[in-house]
Amino acid sequence: MIEWIDSIDTLDGEDGVLQEFSEYFASRSIRKVWHNYSFDRHVLQNHGLAVHGLGADTIHMARLWDTSRLQKEGYSLSALTGALLNRPKITMKELFGKPAVLKDGSEGKAIIVPALEELQRNTTNQRNEWIEYSVYDAQATWELRNELETRLRNMQWQDSRSLYDFYVQYWVPFAELLTDMEHRGIYVDTQYLASLEPKANEDIRVAEERFRQWAVKYCEAAKYMNVSSGPQKQHFLFAPATNRISGEVWPRERIFKVSQQPSSKAAITHDTQSCSFVRWLVLNVHICVR
C-alpha cells in the first residue's frame, strides 16, 4: 500500500511534515529505494535531514543492466518504466500541460505546465491527478527495483555470483560514498586560486590567438570566430557534413552572429573558392573550409 502525505508546509518555508520522518530517513537499518539517490539525498539534506540506508538506486541498477541506454533511450523514470514495466510514467507536460493563451484569446502551440505550488494547492480534480502522479513515482521505482534485481540476478558476474551480488557488494556502498563526498565538498585555497586566475586568462588568450592565426590560413573570416563556440568550431572543422544521429545537414557555408568588435560590425561572405569579407551593420561570420 502506498500512502500520500501532503507536505505543503515545505512550500511555505516550514519543514514540519518532513521532520516527522527524520528518524526514518536517518536510519541505516531501514533500506530505502530511490531513483537518482544523489539528487534526492541532497534535496533532503538541504532541509536539514540526514539520509542513510541506501537499499538501491534504480538508475544505478539500470546502468549496470544495460550501459548502452545512455546513448539511446536513457535512464529516466519514464523511459525505464516504459521499457521494463510496459507502463511508462506520464510526464507532467502530458498530464497537466495546457496550451498557452494568445493575446487574441485563442490557444497557441506552446504548452504551459502550472507551477508545483498551484498543482498541490488545487482543490479540484486536478489535485487528485497530482496525487496519483506523485505516488506513481514511488510505486514505479519500487517495481523497477524488483524487475532490475531479477534481470541482474540472471547475469553472471563471477563463479556462481550474479551482477546483482556485484551491485550490492560494490555499487551500493560506493553510491553512499560518492554522495557523502558531494555533500562535504573539498577545501580550496581561494587566495591561491585567485592568484592563478590572471595567468590562466592570459594562457587562454594566447591559445585562442594561436588557433585563429592557424585558422585564417584557410578562411580569413576565422579571425572573427568565437573560439569558445562549439557550433562555430564544429562548422569550421567538419562542414560540409551530415550528423549521423540527427540527420542534420551542415552546409559548406553558414552565418554566425558574433560580437568580437562592438564598435565595428561586419558580415563575412565567401564562395567555395575564396574567403572575402565586407563590413555591414551586423557582425555575421561565414566560417568555411576550402
Protein backbone atom coordinates (compact mmCIF):
# COMPACT_ATOMS: atom_id res chain seq x y z
CA MET A 1 0.00 0.00 0.00
CA ILE A 2 1.23 3.49 -0.88
CA GLU A 3 0.35 6.49 1.29
CA TRP A 4 0.44 10.07 0.01
CA ILE A 5 1.32 12.66 2.64
CA ASP A 6 0.77 16.34 1.96
CA SER A 7 3.99 18.24 2.54
CA ILE A 8 2.53 21.59 1.54
CA ASP A 9 4.22 23.26 4.50
CA THR A 10 7.58 22.98 2.74
CA LEU A 11 6.23 25.36 0.10
CA ASP A 12 5.53 27.88 2.87
CA GLY A 13 9.02 27.74 4.29
CA GLU A 14 8.20 25.20 7.00
CA ASP A 15 9.54 21.66 7.39
CA GLY A 16 7.17 20.20 9.98
CA VAL A 17 5.99 17.23 7.93
CA LEU A 18 9.48 16.35 6.74
CA GLN A 19 10.86 16.46 10.27
CA GLU A 20 8.36 13.78 11.29
CA PHE A 21 10.28 11.43 9.00
CA SER A 22 13.76 12.42 10.19
CA GLU A 23 14.36 9.15 12.05
CA TYR A 24 13.16 7.13 9.07
CA PHE A 25 15.48 8.86 6.62
CA ALA A 26 18.44 8.76 9.03
CA SER A 27 18.09 5.06 9.85
CA ARG A 28 20.81 2.87 8.39
CA SER A 29 18.84 -0.29 9.10
CA ILE A 30 15.77 0.76 7.10
CA ARG A 31 16.80 0.27 3.49
CA LYS A 32 15.27 2.74 1.07
CA VAL A 33 14.96 2.67 -2.72
CA TRP A 34 15.48 5.74 -4.90
CA HIS A 35 15.56 6.85 -8.49
CA ASN A 36 18.57 9.22 -8.58
CA TYR A 37 19.67 8.90 -4.96
CA SER A 38 22.25 11.65 -5.25
CA PHE A 39 19.70 14.32 -6.19
CA ASP A 40 17.07 13.31 -3.64
CA ARG A 41 19.58 12.92 -0.84
CA HIS A 42 20.98 16.41 -1.37
CA VAL A 43 17.48 17.92 -1.51
CA LEU A 44 16.58 16.35 1.84
CA GLN A 45 19.93 17.33 3.34
CA ASN A 46 19.20 20.92 2.35
CA HIS A 47 16.12 20.65 4.57
CA GLY A 48 18.30 19.53 7.48
CA LEU A 49 17.60 15.79 7.19
CA ALA A 50 20.32 13.16 7.46
CA VAL A 51 19.80 10.44 4.85
CA HIS A 52 21.26 6.94 5.17
CA GLY A 53 20.25 3.36 4.46
CA LEU A 54 20.55 3.17 0.69
CA GLY A 55 18.89 -0.01 -0.47
CA ALA A 56 19.01 0.61 -4.19
CA ASP A 57 19.09 3.29 -6.86
CA THR A 58 17.21 2.21 -9.96
CA ILE A 59 19.34 4.45 -12.19
CA HIS A 60 22.49 2.67 -10.99
CA MET A 61 20.89 -0.73 -11.37
CA ALA A 62 19.71 0.11 -14.88
CA ARG A 63 23.17 1.35 -15.85
CA LEU A 64 24.66 -1.95 -14.71
CA TRP A 65 21.97 -3.89 -16.58
CA ASP A 66 22.38 -2.01 -19.89
CA THR A 67 25.09 0.63 -20.26
CA SER A 68 24.15 1.29 -23.89
CA ARG A 69 20.92 3.05 -22.91
CA LEU A 70 22.91 6.19 -22.16
CA GLN A 71 23.21 6.89 -25.89
CA LYS A 72 19.70 5.71 -26.74
CA GLU A 73 16.59 5.71 -24.57
CA GLY A 74 18.29 6.95 -21.41
CA TYR A 75 17.61 6.20 -17.76
CA SER A 76 14.71 8.47 -16.89
CA LEU A 77 11.89 7.01 -14.84
CA SER A 78 9.59 7.42 -17.81
CA ALA A 79 11.94 5.59 -20.18
CA LEU A 80 12.67 2.72 -17.80
CA THR A 81 9.06 2.14 -16.77
CA GLY A 82 8.08 2.03 -20.42
CA ALA A 83 10.83 -0.42 -21.33
CA LEU A 84 10.68 -2.71 -18.30
CA LEU A 85 7.16 -2.40 -16.89
CA ASN A 86 5.19 -1.61 -20.07
CA ARG A 87 3.58 1.18 -18.07
CA PRO A 88 5.52 4.38 -18.75
CA LYS A 89 5.27 7.27 -16.38
CA ILE A 90 3.18 10.05 -17.90
CA THR A 91 5.07 13.33 -17.91
CA MET A 92 3.80 16.44 -16.17
CA LYS A 93 3.54 18.16 -19.53
CA GLU A 94 1.25 15.43 -20.85
CA LEU A 95 -0.87 15.28 -17.71
CA PHE A 96 -1.12 18.92 -16.61
CA GLY A 97 0.01 20.94 -19.61
CA LYS A 98 -2.39 23.38 -21.25
CA PRO A 99 -2.00 25.44 -24.43
CA ALA A 100 -0.79 28.97 -23.83
CA VAL A 101 -3.45 31.62 -24.43
CA LEU A 102 -2.53 34.18 -27.08
CA LYS A 103 -3.36 37.88 -26.93
CA ASP A 104 -6.43 37.36 -29.11
CA GLY A 105 -7.75 34.73 -26.71
CA SER A 106 -7.01 31.76 -28.95
CA GLU A 107 -4.85 28.81 -27.95
CA GLY A 108 -1.23 28.80 -29.01
CA LYS A 109 1.07 25.89 -29.80
CA ALA A 110 3.19 26.27 -26.67
CA ILE A 111 2.22 24.02 -23.74
CA ILE A 112 2.38 25.57 -20.28
CA VAL A 113 2.72 23.45 -17.12
CA PRO A 114 1.33 25.04 -13.91
CA ALA A 115 3.71 25.67 -11.04
CA LEU A 116 4.05 22.86 -8.50
CA GLU A 117 2.53 25.06 -5.80
CA GLU A 118 -0.56 25.58 -7.93
CA LEU A 119 -0.97 21.86 -8.56
CA GLN A 120 -0.50 20.89 -4.93
CA ARG A 121 -2.84 23.56 -3.59
CA ASN A 122 -5.53 22.91 -6.18
CA THR A 123 -8.73 21.57 -4.64
CA THR A 124 -10.33 20.41 -7.91
CA ASN A 125 -9.93 17.06 -9.63
CA GLN A 126 -6.50 18.22 -10.74
CA ARG A 127 -5.30 17.69 -7.18
CA ASN A 128 -6.31 14.04 -7.37
CA GLU A 129 -4.37 13.70 -10.61
CA TRP A 130 -1.41 15.35 -8.87
CA ILE A 131 -1.58 12.81 -6.04
CA GLU A 132 -1.76 9.91 -8.47
CA TYR A 133 1.17 11.36 -10.40
CA SER A 134 3.20 11.73 -7.21
CA VAL A 135 2.62 8.28 -5.78
CA TYR A 136 3.31 6.55 -9.08
CA ASP A 137 6.92 7.72 -8.81
CA ALA A 138 7.27 5.70 -5.62
CA GLN A 139 5.35 2.72 -6.96
CA ALA A 140 7.24 2.67 -10.26
CA THR A 141 10.61 2.99 -8.53
CA TRP A 142 9.84 0.02 -6.29
CA GLU A 143 8.58 -2.12 -9.18
CA LEU A 144 11.63 -1.16 -11.25
CA ARG A 145 13.92 -2.26 -8.43
CA ASN A 146 12.26 -5.67 -8.34
CA GLU A 147 12.42 -6.07 -12.11
CA LEU A 148 16.05 -4.97 -12.30
CA GLU A 149 17.02 -7.29 -9.46
CA THR A 150 15.58 -10.20 -11.43
CA ARG A 151 17.45 -9.19 -14.56
CA LEU A 152 20.74 -8.65 -12.74
CA ARG A 153 20.43 -11.99 -10.96
CA ASN A 154 20.24 -13.61 -14.39
CA MET A 155 23.54 -12.01 -15.43
CA GLN A 156 26.67 -13.81 -14.30
CA TRP A 157 29.46 -11.93 -12.57
CA GLN A 158 31.99 -14.48 -11.34
CA ASP A 159 31.77 -18.07 -10.17
CA SER A 160 28.15 -18.59 -9.18
CA ARG A 161 27.58 -14.95 -8.28
CA SER A 162 25.44 -12.55 -10.30
CA LEU A 163 25.66 -8.89 -11.21
CA TYR A 164 23.09 -8.23 -8.50
CA ASP A 165 25.63 -9.55 -5.97
CA PHE A 166 28.18 -7.21 -7.54
CA TYR A 167 25.73 -4.30 -7.26
CA VAL A 168 25.01 -4.92 -3.57
CA GLN A 169 28.66 -5.53 -2.69
CA TYR A 170 30.22 -2.62 -4.55
CA TRP A 171 27.81 -0.14 -6.09
CA VAL A 172 25.56 0.46 -3.08
CA PRO A 173 28.36 1.43 -0.66
CA PHE A 174 30.13 3.33 -3.43
CA ALA A 175 26.98 5.38 -4.10
CA GLU A 176 26.83 6.29 -0.41
CA LEU A 177 30.49 7.31 -0.51
CA LEU A 178 30.09 9.47 -3.62
CA THR A 179 27.10 11.36 -2.24
CA ASP A 180 28.96 11.88 1.04
CA MET A 181 31.81 13.43 -0.95
CA GLU A 182 29.41 15.62 -2.94
CA HIS A 183 27.78 16.85 0.27
CA ARG A 184 31.01 17.63 2.08
CA GLY A 185 32.81 19.08 -0.92
CA ILE A 186 36.53 19.81 -0.93
CA TYR A 187 38.57 22.60 0.61
CA VAL A 188 40.01 25.12 -1.81
CA ASP A 189 42.70 27.71 -1.15
CA THR A 190 40.74 30.62 -2.59
CA GLN A 191 43.60 33.12 -2.28
CA TYR A 192 46.00 30.87 -4.18
CA LEU A 193 43.30 30.11 -6.75
CA ALA A 194 42.70 33.83 -7.28
CA SER A 195 46.43 34.41 -7.77
CA LEU A 196 46.40 31.89 -10.65
CA GLU A 197 43.47 33.50 -12.45
CA PRO A 198 45.39 36.23 -14.34
CA LYS A 199 47.92 33.71 -15.65
CA ALA A 200 45.14 31.29 -16.65
CA ASN A 201 43.24 34.03 -18.52
CA GLU A 202 46.41 35.06 -20.34
CA ASP A 203 47.10 31.43 -21.31
CA ILE A 204 43.57 31.20 -22.72
CA ARG A 205 44.02 34.40 -24.70
CA VAL A 206 47.33 33.20 -26.17
CA ALA A 207 45.89 29.78 -27.08
CA GLU A 208 42.85 31.34 -28.77
CA GLU A 209 45.03 33.72 -30.75
CA ARG A 210 47.29 30.87 -31.86
CA PHE A 211 44.20 28.98 -33.06
CA ARG A 212 42.92 31.99 -35.02
CA GLN A 213 46.32 32.53 -36.65
CA TRP A 214 46.20 28.96 -37.88
CA ALA A 215 42.53 29.16 -38.92
CA VAL A 216 42.86 32.30 -41.06
CA LYS A 217 45.22 30.36 -43.35
CA TYR A 218 42.09 28.53 -44.53
CA CYS A 219 39.49 31.25 -44.12
CA GLU A 220 40.14 34.92 -43.41
CA ALA A 221 36.74 35.17 -41.67
CA ALA A 222 38.03 32.88 -38.94
CA LYS A 223 39.67 35.87 -37.24
CA TYR A 224 36.16 36.81 -36.06
CA MET A 225 35.43 33.37 -34.63
CA ASN A 226 34.24 32.90 -31.09
CA VAL A 227 36.71 30.16 -30.21
CA SER A 228 34.54 29.14 -27.25
CA SER A 229 31.59 28.43 -29.54
CA GLY A 230 31.09 24.72 -30.15
CA PRO A 231 28.88 25.22 -33.24
CA GLN A 232 31.39 27.58 -34.86
CA LYS A 233 34.34 25.25 -34.31
CA GLN A 234 32.21 22.31 -35.39
CA HIS A 235 31.32 24.01 -38.67
CA PHE A 236 34.84 25.22 -39.30
CA LEU A 237 36.42 21.80 -38.78
CA PHE A 238 33.84 19.42 -40.23
CA ALA A 239 31.39 21.08 -42.62
CA PRO A 240 30.06 20.14 -45.06
CA ALA A 241 28.81 17.03 -43.28
CA THR A 242 25.71 15.21 -42.07
CA ASN A 243 25.05 14.45 -38.40
CA ARG A 244 24.74 10.66 -38.24
CA ILE A 245 22.37 10.75 -35.26
CA SER A 246 20.01 13.66 -36.02
CA GLY A 247 20.37 13.66 -39.79
CA GLU A 248 21.02 17.40 -39.74
CA VAL A 249 22.94 18.59 -42.78
CA TRP A 250 25.72 21.12 -42.21
CA PRO A 251 26.22 23.15 -45.40
CA ARG A 252 29.60 24.43 -46.52
CA GLU A 253 28.60 27.99 -45.66
CA ARG A 254 26.89 29.26 -42.53
CA ILE A 255 26.37 32.67 -40.94
CA PHE A 256 27.06 33.23 -37.24
CA LYS A 257 26.28 36.37 -35.29
CA VAL A 258 29.28 37.34 -33.19
CA SER A 259 30.25 40.34 -31.08
CA GLN A 260 34.02 40.43 -31.23
CA GLN A 261 34.12 44.13 -32.18
CA PRO A 262 31.12 46.03 -30.74
CA SER A 263 32.20 49.30 -32.37
CA SER A 264 32.82 47.84 -35.80
CA LYS A 265 30.43 45.20 -37.02
CA ALA A 266 30.97 43.19 -40.16
CA ALA A 267 29.49 40.44 -42.27
CA ILE A 268 31.74 37.87 -43.85
CA THR A 269 30.77 36.30 -47.17
CA HIS A 270 32.63 33.87 -49.35
CA ASP A 271 32.31 31.25 -52.04
CA THR A 272 33.85 27.81 -52.17
CA GLN A 273 36.99 29.18 -53.80
CA SER A 274 37.73 32.23 -51.65
CA CYS A 275 37.08 33.84 -48.29
CA SER A 276 36.49 37.56 -48.80
CA PHE A 277 34.62 39.82 -46.41
CA VAL A 278 32.70 43.08 -46.41
CA ARG A 279 31.66 45.22 -43.41
CA TRP A 280 27.96 45.52 -42.69
CA LEU A 281 25.91 46.74 -39.73
CA VAL A 282 25.64 43.36 -38.04
CA LEU A 283 28.67 41.17 -37.44
CA ASN A 284 27.94 37.89 -39.19
CA VAL A 285 30.71 35.45 -39.86
CA HIS A 286 30.84 32.77 -42.52
CA ILE A 287 33.24 30.14 -41.28
CA CYS A 288 34.39 27.88 -44.05
CA VAL A 289 36.96 25.31 -45.08
CA ARG A 290 38.02 25.27 -48.71
